[in-house]
Amino acid sequence: MDKYENRVMELESGIAAFETKNFAHAIKLLSPIAEEGNADAMYRMAIMLQNGLGCVADEKKAFEYMGDAALQGFPLAQHAYAFMFFEGECTEKNIEKSIEWFTKAAEQGLLGSATTLAMIYEEGKLVPQDIEKAQFWYKKAGIEQSQ
């Protein structure tokens, strides 16, 4: 087995450990892969670091990993990164950056991001209300709005 095949197996094992909530083992397997720049590993490491799952919480490193994975175009990381800005978790609240990242994730087909954008524009609390944009994003999310 070559180094690449070994890394793929470690990534798959790390993801399996994460999914079964064996976070300490997941960190051991995913940390070196995340350091190599793998978006999926960085995304999962960010979640564990943000929430102190199997490790001491490190919001700065969580934000860094999530941002790096988002910049690589990983839709789940883009959505989570948007939420960090939306909620002010691991960073300052920033609705503009939040909308930017929800949009990137929604454009890649993440229905939760499209729904969140629709609700933001429909409510009009964080940005000026824009029913047309809200309807556009609801439609993208597969939610039909009655007129």
N, C-alpha and C. Protein backbone atom coordinates (compact mmCIF):
# COMPACT_ATOMS: atom_id res chain seq x y z
N MET A 1 0.85 -1.18 0.00
CA MET A 1 0.00 0.00 0.00
C MET A 1 0.90 1.25 0.00
N ASP A 2 0.61 2.19 -0.90
CA ASP A 2 1.43 3.40 -0.95
C ASP A 2 0.93 4.44 0.05
N LYS A 3 1.68 5.53 0.16
CA LYS A 3 1.36 6.57 1.15
C LYS A 3 -0.03 7.17 0.90
N TYR A 4 -0.39 7.38 -0.39
CA TYR A 4 -1.70 7.95 -0.73
C TYR A 4 -2.82 7.02 -0.26
N GLU A 5 -2.71 5.73 -0.57
CA GLU A 5 -3.75 4.77 -0.16
C GLU A 5 -3.87 4.72 1.37
N ASN A 6 -2.73 4.81 2.04
CA ASN A 6 -2.72 4.80 3.50
C ASN A 6 -3.46 6.03 4.04
N ARG A 7 -3.21 7.20 3.45
CA ARG A 7 -3.88 8.44 3.88
C ARG A 7 -5.39 8.35 3.66
N VAL A 8 -5.80 7.78 2.54
CA VAL A 8 -7.23 7.63 2.25
C VAL A 8 -7.88 6.75 3.31
N MET A 9 -7.19 5.65 3.67
CA MET A 9 -7.73 4.77 4.71
C MET A 9 -7.80 5.48 6.06
N GLU A 10 -6.76 6.27 6.38
CA GLU A 10 -6.77 7.02 7.64
C GLU A 10 -7.90 8.05 7.65
N LEU A 11 -8.11 8.72 6.52
CA LEU A 11 -9.19 9.69 6.42
C LEU A 11 -10.54 9.00 6.63
N GLU A 12 -10.75 7.88 5.95
CA GLU A 12 -12.01 7.14 6.09
C GLU A 12 -12.21 6.66 7.52
N SER A 13 -11.14 6.18 8.15
CA SER A 13 -11.23 5.72 9.54
C SER A 13 -11.50 6.89 10.47
N GLY A 14 -10.87 8.04 10.20
CA GLY A 14 -11.09 9.24 11.01
C GLY A 14 -12.52 9.73 10.91
N ILE A 15 -13.07 9.72 9.69
CA ILE A 15 -14.46 10.13 9.48
C ILE A 15 -15.40 9.17 10.20
N ALA A 16 -15.11 7.87 10.11
CA ALA A 16 -15.95 6.86 10.79
C ALA A 16 -15.90 7.09 12.31
N ALA A 17 -14.72 7.37 12.83
CA ALA A 17 -14.59 7.64 14.27
C ALA A 17 -15.39 8.88 14.65
N PHE A 18 -15.32 9.92 13.82
CA PHE A 18 -16.08 11.15 14.06
C PHE A 18 -17.58 10.85 14.07
N GLU A 19 -18.04 10.13 13.05
CA GLU A 19 -19.48 9.83 12.92
C GLU A 19 -20.00 8.98 14.07
N THR A 20 -19.14 8.14 14.65
CA THR A 20 -19.57 7.30 15.78
C THR A 20 -19.26 7.97 17.13
N LYS A 21 -18.87 9.25 17.05
CA LYS A 21 -18.61 10.08 18.23
C LYS A 21 -17.40 9.61 19.06
N ASN A 22 -16.48 8.90 18.41
CA ASN A 22 -15.22 8.53 19.05
C ASN A 22 -14.23 9.64 18.72
N PHE A 23 -14.46 10.80 19.34
CA PHE A 23 -13.76 12.02 18.96
C PHE A 23 -12.25 11.98 19.23
N ALA A 24 -11.84 11.37 20.33
CA ALA A 24 -10.40 11.31 20.63
C ALA A 24 -9.66 10.56 19.52
N HIS A 25 -10.23 9.46 19.08
CA HIS A 25 -9.62 8.68 18.00
C HIS A 25 -9.70 9.46 16.68
N ALA A 26 -10.82 10.13 16.45
CA ALA A 26 -10.98 10.92 15.22
C ALA A 26 -9.91 12.01 15.15
N ILE A 27 -9.65 12.66 16.26
CA ILE A 27 -8.63 13.72 16.28
C ILE A 27 -7.26 13.15 15.96
N LYS A 28 -6.94 12.01 16.55
CA LYS A 28 -5.64 11.38 16.31
C LYS A 28 -5.45 11.09 14.82
N LEU A 29 -6.51 10.61 14.15
CA LEU A 29 -6.41 10.26 12.74
C LEU A 29 -6.52 11.47 11.81
N LEU A 30 -7.43 12.40 12.15
CA LEU A 30 -7.72 13.51 11.23
C LEU A 30 -6.76 14.69 11.36
N SER A 31 -6.19 14.88 12.54
CA SER A 31 -5.32 16.05 12.74
C SER A 31 -4.18 16.14 11.73
N PRO A 32 -3.39 15.07 11.52
CA PRO A 32 -2.30 15.20 10.54
C PRO A 32 -2.81 15.41 9.12
N ILE A 33 -3.96 14.83 8.80
CA ILE A 33 -4.52 14.98 7.45
C ILE A 33 -5.04 16.41 7.26
N ALA A 34 -5.62 16.97 8.31
CA ALA A 34 -6.07 18.37 8.26
C ALA A 34 -4.87 19.29 8.08
N GLU A 35 -3.79 19.00 8.78
CA GLU A 35 -2.58 19.82 8.66
C GLU A 35 -2.01 19.78 7.24
N GLU A 36 -2.28 18.69 6.52
CA GLU A 36 -1.84 18.58 5.12
C GLU A 36 -2.77 19.34 4.18
N GLY A 37 -3.92 19.83 4.71
CA GLY A 37 -4.81 20.66 3.90
C GLY A 37 -6.04 19.96 3.35
N ASN A 38 -6.37 18.78 3.84
CA ASN A 38 -7.57 18.08 3.37
C ASN A 38 -8.82 18.77 3.93
N ALA A 39 -9.70 19.22 3.04
CA ALA A 39 -10.88 20.01 3.44
C ALA A 39 -11.82 19.23 4.35
N ASP A 40 -12.07 17.96 4.05
CA ASP A 40 -12.99 17.15 4.86
C ASP A 40 -12.43 16.98 6.27
N ALA A 41 -11.13 16.71 6.37
CA ALA A 41 -10.50 16.56 7.68
C ALA A 41 -10.52 17.89 8.44
N MET A 42 -10.24 19.00 7.75
CA MET A 42 -10.25 20.32 8.40
C MET A 42 -11.65 20.65 8.92
N TYR A 43 -12.67 20.34 8.13
CA TYR A 43 -14.07 20.61 8.52
C TYR A 43 -14.40 19.88 9.82
N ARG A 44 -14.07 18.60 9.88
CA ARG A 44 -14.39 17.81 11.07
C ARG A 44 -13.54 18.22 12.27
N MET A 45 -12.27 18.53 12.02
CA MET A 45 -11.41 19.02 13.11
C MET A 45 -11.97 20.34 13.66
N ALA A 46 -12.44 21.20 12.79
CA ALA A 46 -13.01 22.49 13.23
C ALA A 46 -14.19 22.27 14.16
N ILE A 47 -15.06 21.34 13.81
CA ILE A 47 -16.23 21.05 14.66
C ILE A 47 -15.77 20.56 16.03
N MET A 48 -14.81 19.64 16.05
CA MET A 48 -14.33 19.10 17.32
C MET A 48 -13.64 20.18 18.15
N LEU A 49 -12.81 20.99 17.51
CA LEU A 49 -12.10 22.05 18.22
C LEU A 49 -13.05 23.14 18.72
N GLN A 50 -14.05 23.47 17.93
CA GLN A 50 -15.01 24.50 18.33
C GLN A 50 -15.79 24.07 19.58
N ASN A 51 -16.12 22.79 19.64
CA ASN A 51 -16.99 22.29 20.70
C ASN A 51 -16.26 21.52 21.79
N GLY A 52 -14.93 21.42 21.69
CA GLY A 52 -14.17 20.68 22.69
C GLY A 52 -14.52 19.21 22.73
N LEU A 53 -14.72 18.62 21.57
CA LEU A 53 -15.07 17.20 21.48
C LEU A 53 -13.80 16.37 21.35
N GLY A 54 -13.47 15.63 22.38
CA GLY A 54 -12.27 14.80 22.37
C GLY A 54 -10.99 15.59 22.52
N CYS A 55 -11.12 16.87 22.83
CA CYS A 55 -9.95 17.75 22.94
C CYS A 55 -10.34 18.99 23.73
N VAL A 56 -9.35 19.82 24.00
CA VAL A 56 -9.61 21.12 24.61
C VAL A 56 -10.11 22.04 23.49
N ALA A 57 -11.18 22.76 23.73
CA ALA A 57 -11.72 23.68 22.72
C ALA A 57 -10.66 24.71 22.31
N ASP A 58 -10.61 25.00 21.03
CA ASP A 58 -9.69 26.00 20.49
C ASP A 58 -10.42 26.72 19.37
N GLU A 59 -11.13 27.80 19.73
CA GLU A 59 -11.95 28.52 18.75
C GLU A 59 -11.13 29.13 17.63
N LYS A 60 -9.94 29.61 17.95
CA LYS A 60 -9.09 30.23 16.92
C LYS A 60 -8.72 29.20 15.85
N LYS A 61 -8.28 28.02 16.29
CA LYS A 61 -7.89 26.97 15.34
C LYS A 61 -9.13 26.44 14.61
N ALA A 62 -10.26 26.34 15.30
CA ALA A 62 -11.51 25.89 14.67
C ALA A 62 -11.89 26.84 13.54
N PHE A 63 -11.82 28.14 13.80
CA PHE A 63 -12.16 29.15 12.80
C PHE A 63 -11.20 29.07 11.61
N GLU A 64 -9.93 28.87 11.90
CA GLU A 64 -8.91 28.76 10.85
C GLU A 64 -9.17 27.54 9.96
N TYR A 65 -9.39 26.38 10.58
CA TYR A 65 -9.66 25.16 9.82
C TYR A 65 -10.94 25.30 8.99
N MET A 66 -12.01 25.84 9.60
CA MET A 66 -13.28 25.96 8.89
C MET A 66 -13.13 26.90 7.70
N GLY A 67 -12.42 28.00 7.90
CA GLY A 67 -12.19 28.96 6.81
C GLY A 67 -11.37 28.35 5.69
N ASP A 68 -10.33 27.61 6.03
CA ASP A 68 -9.50 26.98 5.01
C ASP A 68 -10.30 25.95 4.20
N ALA A 69 -11.12 25.16 4.89
CA ALA A 69 -11.96 24.17 4.19
C ALA A 69 -13.00 24.87 3.32
N ALA A 70 -13.57 25.97 3.81
CA ALA A 70 -14.56 26.73 3.05
C ALA A 70 -13.92 27.32 1.79
N LEU A 71 -12.71 27.86 1.94
CA LEU A 71 -12.00 28.44 0.79
C LEU A 71 -11.69 27.40 -0.28
N GLN A 72 -11.58 26.14 0.12
CA GLN A 72 -11.34 25.06 -0.85
C GLN A 72 -12.63 24.67 -1.57
N GLY A 73 -13.75 25.28 -1.18
CA GLY A 73 -15.02 25.00 -1.85
C GLY A 73 -15.80 23.84 -1.25
N PHE A 74 -15.48 23.45 -0.01
CA PHE A 74 -16.18 22.35 0.67
C PHE A 74 -17.51 22.89 1.18
N PRO A 75 -18.65 22.49 0.58
CA PRO A 75 -19.95 23.10 0.90
C PRO A 75 -20.34 23.07 2.37
N LEU A 76 -20.14 21.95 3.05
CA LEU A 76 -20.51 21.88 4.47
C LEU A 76 -19.69 22.86 5.30
N ALA A 77 -18.42 23.03 4.94
CA ALA A 77 -17.56 23.99 5.65
C ALA A 77 -18.01 25.41 5.34
N GLN A 78 -18.42 25.67 4.10
CA GLN A 78 -18.91 27.01 3.75
C GLN A 78 -20.14 27.35 4.58
N HIS A 79 -21.03 26.39 4.74
CA HIS A 79 -22.25 26.59 5.53
C HIS A 79 -21.89 26.84 7.00
N ALA A 80 -21.00 26.01 7.53
CA ALA A 80 -20.61 26.16 8.94
C ALA A 80 -19.85 27.46 9.17
N TYR A 81 -19.01 27.84 8.21
CA TYR A 81 -18.26 29.09 8.30
C TYR A 81 -19.23 30.27 8.30
N ALA A 82 -20.24 30.19 7.45
CA ALA A 82 -21.28 31.23 7.41
C ALA A 82 -21.96 31.35 8.77
N PHE A 83 -22.25 30.21 9.40
CA PHE A 83 -22.90 30.24 10.70
C PHE A 83 -22.00 30.83 11.77
N MET A 84 -20.69 30.61 11.65
CA MET A 84 -19.78 31.23 12.61
C MET A 84 -19.92 32.75 12.55
N PHE A 85 -19.97 33.29 11.35
CA PHE A 85 -20.16 34.74 11.18
C PHE A 85 -21.56 35.16 11.61
N PHE A 86 -22.56 34.36 11.30
CA PHE A 86 -23.95 34.67 11.61
C PHE A 86 -24.18 34.74 13.12
N GLU A 87 -23.60 33.77 13.84
CA GLU A 87 -23.82 33.68 15.29
C GLU A 87 -22.74 34.39 16.11
N GLY A 88 -21.64 34.75 15.45
CA GLY A 88 -20.53 35.33 16.19
C GLY A 88 -19.80 34.29 17.02
N GLU A 89 -19.71 33.06 16.49
CA GLU A 89 -19.00 31.98 17.18
C GLU A 89 -17.60 31.86 16.58
N CYS A 90 -16.60 31.91 17.40
CA CYS A 90 -15.19 31.83 17.02
C CYS A 90 -14.71 33.09 16.30
N THR A 91 -15.60 34.03 16.08
CA THR A 91 -15.27 35.28 15.40
C THR A 91 -16.33 36.32 15.73
N GLU A 92 -16.13 37.53 15.25
CA GLU A 92 -17.14 38.58 15.44
C GLU A 92 -18.32 38.33 14.50
N LYS A 93 -19.53 38.72 14.93
CA LYS A 93 -20.69 38.64 14.04
C LYS A 93 -20.43 39.51 12.82
N ASN A 94 -20.79 39.00 11.64
CA ASN A 94 -20.64 39.76 10.41
C ASN A 94 -21.65 39.24 9.40
N ILE A 95 -22.80 39.92 9.30
CA ILE A 95 -23.89 39.43 8.45
C ILE A 95 -23.48 39.41 6.97
N GLU A 96 -22.67 40.38 6.53
CA GLU A 96 -22.26 40.40 5.13
C GLU A 96 -21.43 39.16 4.78
N LYS A 97 -20.46 38.84 5.64
CA LYS A 97 -19.64 37.64 5.39
C LYS A 97 -20.50 36.38 5.52
N SER A 98 -21.44 36.39 6.45
CA SER A 98 -22.33 35.27 6.62
C SER A 98 -23.12 35.02 5.34
N ILE A 99 -23.71 36.06 4.79
CA ILE A 99 -24.48 35.93 3.55
C ILE A 99 -23.58 35.47 2.40
N GLU A 100 -22.37 36.01 2.33
CA GLU A 100 -21.42 35.60 1.29
C GLU A 100 -21.17 34.09 1.32
N TRP A 101 -20.94 33.55 2.51
CA TRP A 101 -20.63 32.12 2.62
C TRP A 101 -21.87 31.24 2.51
N PHE A 102 -23.02 31.69 3.04
CA PHE A 102 -24.26 30.93 2.81
C PHE A 102 -24.54 30.85 1.31
N THR A 103 -24.29 31.95 0.60
CA THR A 103 -24.54 31.98 -0.84
C THR A 103 -23.65 30.98 -1.57
N LYS A 104 -22.37 30.94 -1.22
CA LYS A 104 -21.44 29.99 -1.86
C LYS A 104 -21.91 28.55 -1.63
N ALA A 105 -22.33 28.24 -0.41
CA ALA A 105 -22.80 26.89 -0.10
C ALA A 105 -24.11 26.59 -0.82
N ALA A 106 -25.02 27.56 -0.83
CA ALA A 106 -26.32 27.38 -1.50
C ALA A 106 -26.13 27.17 -3.00
N GLU A 107 -25.19 27.88 -3.58
CA GLU A 107 -24.93 27.74 -5.03
C GLU A 107 -24.36 26.37 -5.36
N GLN A 108 -23.84 25.67 -4.36
CA GLN A 108 -23.35 24.31 -4.56
C GLN A 108 -24.42 23.27 -4.20
N GLY A 109 -25.63 23.76 -3.92
CA GLY A 109 -26.74 22.85 -3.70
C GLY A 109 -27.07 22.55 -2.25
N LEU A 110 -26.46 23.24 -1.31
CA LEU A 110 -26.78 23.01 0.10
C LEU A 110 -28.11 23.69 0.44
N LEU A 111 -29.14 22.87 0.60
CA LEU A 111 -30.49 23.38 0.80
C LEU A 111 -30.64 24.18 2.09
N GLY A 112 -29.93 23.78 3.13
CA GLY A 112 -29.99 24.51 4.40
C GLY A 112 -29.49 25.93 4.27
N SER A 113 -28.47 26.11 3.45
CA SER A 113 -27.93 27.46 3.23
C SER A 113 -28.94 28.31 2.45
N ALA A 114 -29.55 27.72 1.44
CA ALA A 114 -30.56 28.45 0.65
C ALA A 114 -31.74 28.84 1.53
N THR A 115 -32.17 27.93 2.39
CA THR A 115 -33.29 28.21 3.30
C THR A 115 -32.92 29.33 4.28
N THR A 116 -31.71 29.28 4.80
CA THR A 116 -31.27 30.32 5.74
C THR A 116 -31.25 31.68 5.05
N LEU A 117 -30.73 31.74 3.83
CA LEU A 117 -30.73 33.00 3.08
C LEU A 117 -32.15 33.51 2.86
N ALA A 118 -33.04 32.61 2.48
CA ALA A 118 -34.44 33.00 2.26
C ALA A 118 -35.04 33.62 3.51
N MET A 119 -34.79 33.00 4.65
CA MET A 119 -35.35 33.51 5.91
C MET A 119 -34.74 34.86 6.28
N ILE A 120 -33.43 35.01 6.04
CA ILE A 120 -32.78 36.29 6.33
C ILE A 120 -33.42 37.41 5.51
N TYR A 121 -33.63 37.16 4.23
CA TYR A 121 -34.21 38.20 3.36
C TYR A 121 -35.70 38.40 3.63
N GLU A 122 -36.40 37.34 4.00
CA GLU A 122 -37.82 37.46 4.30
C GLU A 122 -38.04 38.26 5.59
N GLU A 123 -37.26 37.97 6.62
CA GLU A 123 -37.41 38.66 7.90
C GLU A 123 -37.05 40.14 7.82
N GLY A 124 -35.98 40.42 7.10
CA GLY A 124 -35.56 41.81 6.95
C GLY A 124 -35.06 42.47 8.24
N LYS A 125 -34.58 41.67 9.20
CA LYS A 125 -34.06 42.23 10.45
C LYS A 125 -32.56 42.54 10.34
N LEU A 126 -31.83 41.66 9.70
CA LEU A 126 -30.37 41.79 9.61
C LEU A 126 -29.93 42.51 8.34
N VAL A 127 -30.78 42.44 7.33
CA VAL A 127 -30.57 43.13 6.05
C VAL A 127 -31.92 43.72 5.65
N PRO A 128 -31.93 44.68 4.73
CA PRO A 128 -33.23 45.18 4.27
C PRO A 128 -34.08 44.03 3.70
N GLN A 129 -35.34 44.04 4.06
CA GLN A 129 -36.23 42.97 3.58
C GLN A 129 -36.25 42.97 2.05
N ASP A 130 -36.16 41.78 1.46
CA ASP A 130 -36.18 41.63 0.01
C ASP A 130 -36.94 40.34 -0.32
N ILE A 131 -38.25 40.50 -0.52
CA ILE A 131 -39.13 39.35 -0.75
C ILE A 131 -38.75 38.61 -2.03
N GLU A 132 -38.32 39.34 -3.04
CA GLU A 132 -37.91 38.71 -4.30
C GLU A 132 -36.71 37.77 -4.07
N LYS A 133 -35.71 38.25 -3.34
CA LYS A 133 -34.55 37.41 -3.03
C LYS A 133 -34.98 36.24 -2.15
N ALA A 134 -35.86 36.50 -1.20
CA ALA A 134 -36.34 35.44 -0.32
C ALA A 134 -37.00 34.33 -1.15
N GLN A 135 -37.87 34.73 -2.09
CA GLN A 135 -38.55 33.74 -2.93
C GLN A 135 -37.57 32.97 -3.81
N PHE A 136 -36.55 33.69 -4.32
CA PHE A 136 -35.51 33.04 -5.13
C PHE A 136 -34.84 31.93 -4.34
N TRP A 137 -34.44 32.23 -3.09
CA TRP A 137 -33.72 31.25 -2.28
C TRP A 137 -34.65 30.14 -1.79
N TYR A 138 -35.91 30.46 -1.48
CA TYR A 138 -36.85 29.40 -1.11
C TYR A 138 -37.02 28.43 -2.27
N LYS A 139 -37.13 28.97 -3.48
CA LYS A 139 -37.28 28.11 -4.66
C LYS A 139 -36.04 27.23 -4.83
N LYS A 140 -34.84 27.81 -4.66
CA LYS A 140 -33.60 27.04 -4.74
C LYS A 140 -33.57 25.92 -3.71
N ALA A 141 -34.20 26.17 -2.56
CA ALA A 141 -34.23 25.18 -1.48
C ALA A 141 -35.35 24.16 -1.69
N GLY A 142 -36.14 24.36 -2.74
CA GLY A 142 -37.24 23.44 -3.03
C GLY A 142 -38.46 23.69 -2.19
N ILE A 143 -38.56 24.91 -1.65
CA ILE A 143 -39.71 25.28 -0.83
C ILE A 143 -40.58 26.24 -1.64
N GLU A 144 -41.80 25.81 -1.91
CA GLU A 144 -42.72 26.66 -2.67
C GLU A 144 -43.43 27.61 -1.74
N GLN A 145 -43.40 28.88 -2.09
CA GLN A 145 -44.07 29.91 -1.31
C GLN A 145 -45.41 30.24 -1.95
N SER A 146 -46.44 30.39 -1.13
CA SER A 146 -47.74 30.80 -1.66
C SER A 146 -47.76 32.33 -1.79
N GLN A 147 -48.40 32.81 -2.79
CA GLN A 147 -48.42 34.26 -3.05
C GLN A 147 -49.46 34.94 -2.20
